[in-house]
Amino acid sequence: MTVEFPQHGPTPYPLGLRGVEHRPGNLNHLALVNPPPRLSEPRTSPWHRTAKSTFNQGGPSCTFQAAAGTLITLPFRYEHQPDRHLFDTEAERHQGYLDSQPYDPWWPEPHDGSSTDAPFQHLRALRLIAGWSWLRGEEELWEWVSFYSPAVVGTVWTDNMFDPDSNGFISPTGPGVGGHAYEIAFASHPRQAYRIINSWSTSWGQLGRAWITRGDMASLLAQDGEAVTIRL
C-alpha cells in the first residue's frame, strides 16, 4: 500500500518524501532479526558523523541526504578516496537522489522526491552497503539507535516542525505539509528523546539538529512513518 505525503504549497525548507510503500517483503528484512553485536550499555552521546556534519539540500532530495549522512556516521564509514567521503558535495548528493528515483514504485512516472528505501537500494547497487533493514515502530527504533547504530526515518512533516522551540525540540503539531526524511543519530535515555540531524544547513535548529520526544516520534511512525537502517 502506498500512502502519499503530498507537499502543500511552498515551504520554508524543501521536503521530498514522496510516499510510503508498505511491501510484504519488508518483513523479510527486519533489523532486530539476527542483529549485529549489541552494546552492553546504551549510547550516552550521538553516533558521530565522520565528515561534514550538516548537509544543505537544494531540492526535494531529503531521502538521499539522510541515507548519505547515515552512511558516514559511525559505526558506518565509507571513504571514496583518502580524506574524502563520497557524497561530500551537494551536487553528488543531488545526483544520488536522481539515481535513486528509478527504484521508486512510481517509476517511470515523473515525480519529485523519492521513497524511504530507494536511496538504500541505490547504495546497494553501488556496492557501498550490503542492504538495509526495517524497524517496526518506535520501540524498535529506540532499541536500535540506543544499542546498534543510527537510522533514517521518513515521516509526515507538519507546519510547526519547521521551528524548534527554545530547548531545540520539534513538535508534530499543526497541519501536515508534506513528507520528510532525516537521520536519527541518538536516543537520549535521560531526555527520553531522539536527536535528529536534518539536511537544511546549520542555520536550522541547533546547528542543523533538533530533539523530538519518544511520544512524538511514536505518533509520527504510527501515521505511516517508516524507519530503516544500513546493513554492511
C-alpha atoms as a PDB file:
ATOM      1  CA  MET A   1       0.000   0.000   0.000  1.00  0.00           C
ATOM      2  CA  THR A   2       1.303   3.428  -0.904  1.00  0.00           C
ATOM      3  CA  VAL A   3       0.462   6.359   1.349  1.00  0.00           C
ATOM      4  CA  GLU A   4       1.011   9.754  -0.213  1.00  0.00           C
ATOM      5  CA  PHE A   5       2.616  12.665   1.634  1.00  0.00           C
ATOM      6  CA  PRO A   6       1.782  15.436  -0.849  1.00  0.00           C
ATOM      7  CA  GLN A   7       3.512  18.772  -0.380  1.00  0.00           C
ATOM      8  CA  HIS A   8       1.079  21.606   0.169  1.00  0.00           C
ATOM      9  CA  GLY A   9       2.400  24.748  -1.445  1.00  0.00           C
ATOM     10  CA  PRO A  10       5.717  26.468  -0.734  1.00  0.00           C
ATOM     11  CA  THR A  11       7.510  25.583   2.493  1.00  0.00           C
ATOM     12  CA  PRO A  12      10.372  27.311   4.375  1.00  0.00           C
ATOM     13  CA  TYR A  13      12.674  24.357   3.634  1.00  0.00           C
ATOM     14  CA  PRO A  14      12.493  21.697   0.904  1.00  0.00           C
ATOM     15  CA  LEU A  15      10.845  18.365   1.674  1.00  0.00           C
ATOM     16  CA  GLY A  16      10.895  15.336  -0.619  1.00  0.00           C
ATOM     17  CA  LEU A  17       9.472  12.120   0.866  1.00  0.00           C
ATOM     18  CA  ARG A  18       7.165  11.041  -1.927  1.00  0.00           C
ATOM     19  CA  GLY A  19       5.227   8.399  -0.034  1.00  0.00           C
ATOM     20  CA  VAL A  20       5.433   5.173   1.889  1.00  0.00           C
ATOM     21  CA  GLU A  21       5.441   1.803   0.179  1.00  0.00           C
ATOM     22  CA  HIS A  22       4.434  -0.958   2.591  1.00  0.00           C
ATOM     23  CA  ARG A  23       5.515  -4.181   0.920  1.00  0.00           C
ATOM     24  CA  PRO A  24       5.054  -7.671   2.417  1.00  0.00           C
ATOM     25  CA  GLY A  25       8.698  -8.367   1.610  1.00  0.00           C
ATOM     26  CA  ASN A  26       9.728  -5.785   4.210  1.00  0.00           C
ATOM     27  CA  LEU A  27       9.010  -8.408   6.857  1.00  0.00           C
ATOM     28  CA  ASN A  28      11.928 -10.416   5.467  1.00  0.00           C
ATOM     29  CA  HIS A  29      14.330  -7.578   6.283  1.00  0.00           C
ATOM     30  CA  LEU A  30      13.704  -6.719   9.915  1.00  0.00           C
ATOM     31  CA  ALA A  31      16.637  -5.122  11.709  1.00  0.00           C
ATOM     32  CA  LEU A  32      16.219  -6.953  15.007  1.00  0.00           C
ATOM     33  CA  VAL A  33      16.303 -10.383  13.352  1.00  0.00           C
ATOM     34  CA  ASN A  34      19.913 -11.592  13.543  1.00  0.00           C
ATOM     35  CA  PRO A  35      21.183  -8.127  14.557  1.00  0.00           C
ATOM     36  CA  PRO A  36      24.866  -7.144  14.753  1.00  0.00           C
ATOM     37  CA  PRO A  37      26.690  -7.096  18.113  1.00  0.00           C
ATOM     38  CA  ARG A  38      24.798  -5.106  20.723  1.00  0.00           C
ATOM     39  CA  LEU A  39      26.413  -2.534  23.013  1.00  0.00           C
ATOM     40  CA  SER A  40      26.413  -3.561  26.666  1.00  0.00           C
ATOM     41  CA  GLU A  41      25.037  -0.131  27.650  1.00  0.00           C
ATOM     42  CA  PRO A  42      23.020   2.411  25.659  1.00  0.00           C
ATOM     43  CA  ARG A  43      24.938   5.150  23.893  1.00  0.00           C
ATOM     44  CA  THR A  44      25.490   8.247  26.009  1.00  0.00           C
ATOM     45  CA  SER A  45      26.351  10.530  23.078  1.00  0.00           C
ATOM     46  CA  PRO A  46      25.267  10.771  19.443  1.00  0.00           C
ATOM     47  CA  TRP A  47      26.654   8.409  16.841  1.00  0.00           C
ATOM     48  CA  HIS A  48      29.391  10.547  15.275  1.00  0.00           C
ATOM     49  CA  ARG A  49      29.455  11.669  11.663  1.00  0.00           C
ATOM     50  CA  THR A  50      32.910  11.372  10.131  1.00  0.00           C
ATOM     51  CA  ALA A  51      32.555  14.156   7.564  1.00  0.00           C
ATOM     52  CA  LYS A  52      30.756  17.451   7.067  1.00  0.00           C
ATOM     53  CA  SER A  53      28.144  17.263   9.768  1.00  0.00           C
ATOM     54  CA  THR A  54      25.178  19.032   8.198  1.00  0.00           C
ATOM     55  CA  PHE A  55      24.043  18.994   4.588  1.00  0.00           C
ATOM     56  CA  ASN A  56      22.022  21.674   2.812  1.00  0.00           C
ATOM     57  CA  GLN A  57      19.644  20.137   0.308  1.00  0.00           C
ATOM     58  CA  GLY A  58      18.845  22.275  -2.674  1.00  0.00           C
ATOM     59  CA  GLY A  59      15.687  20.451  -3.713  1.00  0.00           C
ATOM     60  CA  PRO A  60      13.376  17.541  -2.792  1.00  0.00           C
ATOM     61  CA  SER A  61      16.266  15.177  -2.057  1.00  0.00           C
ATOM     62  CA  CYS A  62      15.861  14.580   1.703  1.00  0.00           C
ATOM     63  CA  THR A  63      15.676  10.789   1.390  1.00  0.00           C
ATOM     64  CA  PHE A  64      19.105  10.534  -0.189  1.00  0.00           C
ATOM     65  CA  GLN A  65      20.523  13.245   2.084  1.00  0.00           C
ATOM     66  CA  ALA A  66      19.504  11.201   5.129  1.00  0.00           C
ATOM     67  CA  ALA A  67      20.859   7.959   3.677  1.00  0.00           C
ATOM     68  CA  ALA A  68      24.174   9.580   2.686  1.00  0.00           C
ATOM     69  CA  GLY A  69      24.518  11.126   6.135  1.00  0.00           C
ATOM     70  CA  THR A  70      23.937   7.787   7.823  1.00  0.00           C
ATOM     71  CA  LEU A  71      26.498   6.154   5.554  1.00  0.00           C
ATOM     72  CA  ILE A  72      29.188   8.417   7.038  1.00  0.00           C
ATOM     73  CA  THR A  73      28.002   8.162  10.640  1.00  0.00           C
ATOM     74  CA  LEU A  74      29.848   5.704  12.854  1.00  0.00           C
ATOM     75  CA  PRO A  75      29.799   2.743  13.058  1.00  0.00           C
ATOM     76  CA  PHE A  76      29.293   3.141   9.306  1.00  0.00           C
ATOM     77  CA  ARG A  77      32.032   4.858   7.338  1.00  0.00           C
ATOM     78  CA  TYR A  78      32.653   4.983   3.637  1.00  0.00           C
ATOM     79  CA  GLU A  79      35.558   6.906   2.116  1.00  0.00           C
ATOM     80  CA  HIS A  80      35.611   7.428  -1.635  1.00  0.00           C
ATOM     81  CA  GLN A  81      39.299   8.271  -1.525  1.00  0.00           C
ATOM     82  CA  PRO A  82      41.780   9.265   1.212  1.00  0.00           C
ATOM     83  CA  ASP A  83      40.481  12.190   3.274  1.00  0.00           C
ATOM     84  CA  ARG A  84      37.323  12.479   1.214  1.00  0.00           C
ATOM     85  CA  HIS A  85      33.927  10.872   1.594  1.00  0.00           C
ATOM     86  CA  LEU A  86      31.609  10.011  -1.231  1.00  0.00           C
ATOM     87  CA  PHE A  87      28.673  12.444  -1.477  1.00  0.00           C
ATOM     88  CA  ASP A  88      30.609  15.257   0.222  1.00  0.00           C
ATOM     89  CA  THR A  89      29.160  17.810  -2.179  1.00  0.00           C
ATOM     90  CA  GLU A  90      25.572  18.843  -2.739  1.00  0.00           C
ATOM     91  CA  ALA A  91      25.988  18.085  -6.455  1.00  0.00           C
ATOM     92  CA  GLU A  92      26.963  14.487  -5.628  1.00  0.00           C
ATOM     93  CA  ARG A  93      24.079  14.079  -3.208  1.00  0.00           C
ATOM     94  CA  HIS A  94      21.573  15.549  -5.656  1.00  0.00           C
ATOM     95  CA  GLN A  95      22.800  13.181  -8.355  1.00  0.00           C
ATOM     96  CA  GLY A  96      22.478  10.319  -5.890  1.00  0.00           C
ATOM     97  CA  TYR A  97      18.865  11.329  -5.308  1.00  0.00           C
ATOM     98  CA  LEU A  98      18.176  11.373  -9.053  1.00  0.00           C
ATOM     99  CA  ASP A  99      19.843   7.976  -9.444  1.00  0.00           C
ATOM    100  CA  SER A 100      17.658   6.605  -6.638  1.00  0.00           C
ATOM    101  CA  GLN A 101      14.354   7.550  -8.253  1.00  0.00           C
ATOM    102  CA  PRO A 102      14.291   4.576 -10.686  1.00  0.00           C
ATOM    103  CA  TYR A 103      13.971   2.342  -7.596  1.00  0.00           C
ATOM    104  CA  ASP A 104      10.709   4.053  -6.618  1.00  0.00           C
ATOM    105  CA  PRO A 105       7.484   2.102  -7.146  1.00  0.00           C
ATOM    106  CA  TRP A 106       6.166   5.001  -9.253  1.00  0.00           C
ATOM    107  CA  TRP A 107       8.965   4.887 -11.821  1.00  0.00           C
ATOM    108  CA  PRO A 108       8.907   5.782 -14.742  1.00  0.00           C
ATOM    109  CA  GLU A 109       6.176   8.246 -13.825  1.00  0.00           C
ATOM    110  CA  PRO A 110       7.831  11.676 -13.463  1.00  0.00           C
ATOM    111  CA  HIS A 111       7.901  12.699  -9.807  1.00  0.00           C
ATOM    112  CA  ASP A 112       9.690  14.841  -7.253  1.00  0.00           C
ATOM    113  CA  GLY A 113      11.085  13.223  -4.136  1.00  0.00           C
ATOM    114  CA  SER A 114      11.529   9.501  -3.573  1.00  0.00           C
ATOM    115  CA  SER A 115      10.510   6.673  -1.270  1.00  0.00           C
ATOM    116  CA  THR A 116      12.268   5.974   2.033  1.00  0.00           C
ATOM    117  CA  ASP A 117      14.167   2.925   0.819  1.00  0.00           C
ATOM    118  CA  ALA A 118      15.017   3.924  -2.774  1.00  0.00           C
ATOM    119  CA  PRO A 119      18.365   5.537  -1.761  1.00  0.00           C
ATOM    120  CA  PHE A 120      19.379   2.381   0.090  1.00  0.00           C
ATOM    121  CA  GLN A 121      18.584   0.294  -2.964  1.00  0.00           C
ATOM    122  CA  HIS A 122      20.822   2.606  -4.972  1.00  0.00           C
ATOM    123  CA  LEU A 123      23.631   2.378  -2.404  1.00  0.00           C
ATOM    124  CA  ARG A 124      23.374  -1.391  -2.549  1.00  0.00           C
ATOM    125  CA  ALA A 125      23.578  -1.309  -6.343  1.00  0.00           C
ATOM    126  CA  LEU A 126      26.779   0.748  -5.970  1.00  0.00           C
ATOM    127  CA  ARG A 127      28.066  -1.992  -3.615  1.00  0.00           C
ATOM    128  CA  LEU A 128      28.544   0.527  -0.832  1.00  0.00           C
ATOM    129  CA  ILE A 129      26.259  -1.400   1.530  1.00  0.00           C
ATOM    130  CA  ALA A 130      25.068  -4.989   1.701  1.00  0.00           C
ATOM    131  CA  GLY A 131      21.468  -3.930   2.171  1.00  0.00           C
ATOM    132  CA  TRP A 132      19.065  -2.280   4.577  1.00  0.00           C
ATOM    133  CA  SER A 133      16.714  -3.371   7.324  1.00  0.00           C
ATOM    134  CA  TRP A 134      13.404  -2.075   8.635  1.00  0.00           C
ATOM    135  CA  LEU A 135      12.473  -1.080  12.159  1.00  0.00           C
ATOM    136  CA  ARG A 136       8.829  -1.566  13.016  1.00  0.00           C
ATOM    137  CA  GLY A 137       7.573   1.135  15.340  1.00  0.00           C
ATOM    138  CA  GLU A 138       9.078   3.444  17.921  1.00  0.00           C
ATOM    139  CA  GLU A 139      10.165   0.790  20.427  1.00  0.00           C
ATOM    140  CA  GLU A 140      12.310  -0.968  17.818  1.00  0.00           C
ATOM    141  CA  LEU A 141      13.746   2.371  16.688  1.00  0.00           C
ATOM    142  CA  TRP A 142      14.632   3.227  20.300  1.00  0.00           C
ATOM    143  CA  GLU A 143      16.298  -0.151  20.845  1.00  0.00           C
ATOM    144  CA  TRP A 144      18.268   0.097  17.618  1.00  0.00           C
ATOM    145  CA  VAL A 145      19.589   3.632  17.983  1.00  0.00           C
ATOM    146  CA  SER A 146      20.405   3.021  21.662  1.00  0.00           C
ATOM    147  CA  PHE A 147      22.482  -0.109  21.116  1.00  0.00           C
ATOM    148  CA  TYR A 148      23.341  -0.710  17.435  1.00  0.00           C
ATOM    149  CA  SER A 149      23.631   2.243  15.041  1.00  0.00           C
ATOM    150  CA  PRO A 150      21.893   5.347  13.672  1.00  0.00           C
ATOM    151  CA  ALA A 151      18.811   5.075  11.477  1.00  0.00           C
ATOM    152  CA  VAL A 152      16.726   7.052   8.994  1.00  0.00           C
ATOM    153  CA  VAL A 153      13.052   7.844   9.399  1.00  0.00           C
ATOM    154  CA  GLY A 154      10.604   9.045   6.792  1.00  0.00           C
ATOM    155  CA  THR A 155       7.504  10.701   8.248  1.00  0.00           C
ATOM    156  CA  VAL A 156       4.877  13.294   7.660  1.00  0.00           C
ATOM    157  CA  TRP A 157       6.209  16.785   8.396  1.00  0.00           C
ATOM    158  CA  THR A 158       3.892  19.323   9.969  1.00  0.00           C
ATOM    159  CA  ASP A 159       3.938  23.089   9.807  1.00  0.00           C
ATOM    160  CA  ASN A 160       5.134  23.574  13.388  1.00  0.00           C
ATOM    161  CA  MET A 161       8.071  21.184  12.973  1.00  0.00           C
ATOM    162  CA  PHE A 162       9.906  23.785  10.910  1.00  0.00           C
ATOM    163  CA  ASP A 163      10.587  25.829  14.062  1.00  0.00           C
ATOM    164  CA  PRO A 164      12.267  24.082  17.024  1.00  0.00           C
ATOM    165  CA  ASP A 165      11.435  25.615  20.391  1.00  0.00           C
ATOM    166  CA  SER A 166      13.914  27.338  22.741  1.00  0.00           C
ATOM    167  CA  ASN A 167      15.102  23.941  24.008  1.00  0.00           C
ATOM    168  CA  GLY A 168      15.661  22.619  20.489  1.00  0.00           C
ATOM    169  CA  PHE A 169      12.581  20.381  20.375  1.00  0.00           C
ATOM    170  CA  ILE A 170      10.273  19.969  17.404  1.00  0.00           C
ATOM    171  CA  SER A 171       6.633  19.010  17.862  1.00  0.00           C
ATOM    172  CA  PRO A 172       4.426  17.424  15.169  1.00  0.00           C
ATOM    173  CA  THR A 173       1.530  19.835  15.606  1.00  0.00           C
ATOM    174  CA  GLY A 174      -0.250  21.921  13.018  1.00  0.00           C
ATOM    175  CA  PRO A 175      -1.284  20.780   9.546  1.00  0.00           C
ATOM    176  CA  GLY A 176       0.780  18.291   7.602  1.00  0.00           C
ATOM    177  CA  VAL A 177       2.680  19.982   4.778  1.00  0.00           C
ATOM    178  CA  GLY A 178       4.454  17.015   3.177  1.00  0.00           C
ATOM    179  CA  GLY A 179       6.839  14.153   3.870  1.00  0.00           C
ATOM    180  CA  HIS A 180      10.436  14.380   5.062  1.00  0.00           C
ATOM    181  CA  ALA A 181      13.327  12.010   5.780  1.00  0.00           C
ATOM    182  CA  TYR A 182      16.022  12.666   8.373  1.00  0.00           C
ATOM    183  CA  GLU A 183      18.701  10.845  10.330  1.00  0.00           C
ATOM    184  CA  ILE A 184      18.215   9.662  13.904  1.00  0.00           C
ATOM    185  CA  ALA A 185      21.679   9.941  15.466  1.00  0.00           C
ATOM    186  CA  PHE A 186      20.986   9.454  19.172  1.00  0.00           C
ATOM    187  CA  ALA A 187      18.456   8.079  21.626  1.00  0.00           C
ATOM    188  CA  SER A 188      18.918  10.056  24.852  1.00  0.00           C
ATOM    189  CA  HIS A 189      17.678   7.994  27.795  1.00  0.00           C
ATOM    190  CA  PRO A 190      17.769  10.887  30.306  1.00  0.00           C
ATOM    191  CA  ARG A 191      15.757  13.087  27.931  1.00  0.00           C
ATOM    192  CA  GLN A 192      13.605  10.244  26.555  1.00  0.00           C
ATOM    193  CA  ALA A 193      14.080  11.910  23.190  1.00  0.00           C
ATOM    194  CA  TYR A 194      15.803  11.427  19.848  1.00  0.00           C
ATOM    195  CA  ARG A 195      18.480  13.675  18.371  1.00  0.00           C
ATOM    196  CA  ILE A 196      17.870  14.215  14.678  1.00  0.00           C
ATOM    197  CA  ILE A 197      20.252  15.514  12.022  1.00  0.00           C
ATOM    198  CA  ASN A 198      18.441  17.419   9.322  1.00  0.00           C
ATOM    199  CA  SER A 199      19.615  18.450   5.844  1.00  0.00           C
ATOM    200  CA  TRP A 200      18.728  22.136   5.904  1.00  0.00           C
ATOM    201  CA  SER A 201      22.146  23.606   6.772  1.00  0.00           C
ATOM    202  CA  THR A 202      23.423  24.712  10.168  1.00  0.00           C
ATOM    203  CA  SER A 203      21.030  27.664  10.168  1.00  0.00           C
ATOM    204  CA  TRP A 204      18.138  25.355  11.075  1.00  0.00           C
ATOM    205  CA  GLY A 205      17.597  24.308  14.676  1.00  0.00           C
ATOM    206  CA  GLN A 206      20.718  23.747  16.762  1.00  0.00           C
ATOM    207  CA  LEU A 207      23.371  23.777  14.039  1.00  0.00           C
ATOM    208  CA  GLY A 208      21.146  21.620  11.848  1.00  0.00           C
ATOM    209  CA  ARG A 209      19.972  19.378  14.669  1.00  0.00           C
ATOM    210  CA  ALA A 210      16.920  19.103  16.908  1.00  0.00           C
ATOM    211  CA  TRP A 211      15.255  16.927  19.551  1.00  0.00           C
ATOM    212  CA  ILE A 212      11.972  15.065  19.308  1.00  0.00           C
ATOM    213  CA  THR A 213      10.355  13.158  22.169  1.00  0.00           C
ATOM    214  CA  ARG A 214       9.727   9.427  22.039  1.00  0.00           C
ATOM    215  CA  GLY A 215       5.996  10.050  22.209  1.00  0.00           C
ATOM    216  CA  ASP A 216       6.034  12.416  19.264  1.00  0.00           C
ATOM    217  CA  MET A 217       8.164  10.006  17.228  1.00  0.00           C
ATOM    218  CA  ALA A 218       5.770   7.179  18.067  1.00  0.00           C
ATOM    219  CA  SER A 219       2.919   9.333  16.783  1.00  0.00           C
ATOM    220  CA  LEU A 220       4.751  10.092  13.535  1.00  0.00           C
ATOM    221  CA  LEU A 221       5.654   6.458  12.898  1.00  0.00           C
ATOM    222  CA  ALA A 222       2.048   5.453  13.590  1.00  0.00           C
ATOM    223  CA  GLN A 223       0.980   7.832  10.811  1.00  0.00           C
ATOM    224  CA  ASP A 224       2.523   5.597   8.125  1.00  0.00           C
ATOM    225  CA  GLY A 225       6.069   6.619   9.015  1.00  0.00           C
ATOM    226  CA  GLU A 226       8.985   4.305   8.348  1.00  0.00           C
ATOM    227  CA  ALA A 227      12.375   3.659   9.927  1.00  0.00           C
ATOM    228  CA  VAL A 228      15.269   1.973   8.142  1.00  0.00           C
ATOM    229  CA  THR A 229      18.928   1.265   8.855  1.00  0.00           C
ATOM    230  CA  ILE A 230      22.003   0.126   6.922  1.00  0.00           C
ATOM    231  CA  ARG A 231      23.305  -3.404   6.654  1.00  0.00           C
ATOM    232  CA  LEU A 232      27.021  -3.534   5.780  1.00  0.00           C
END
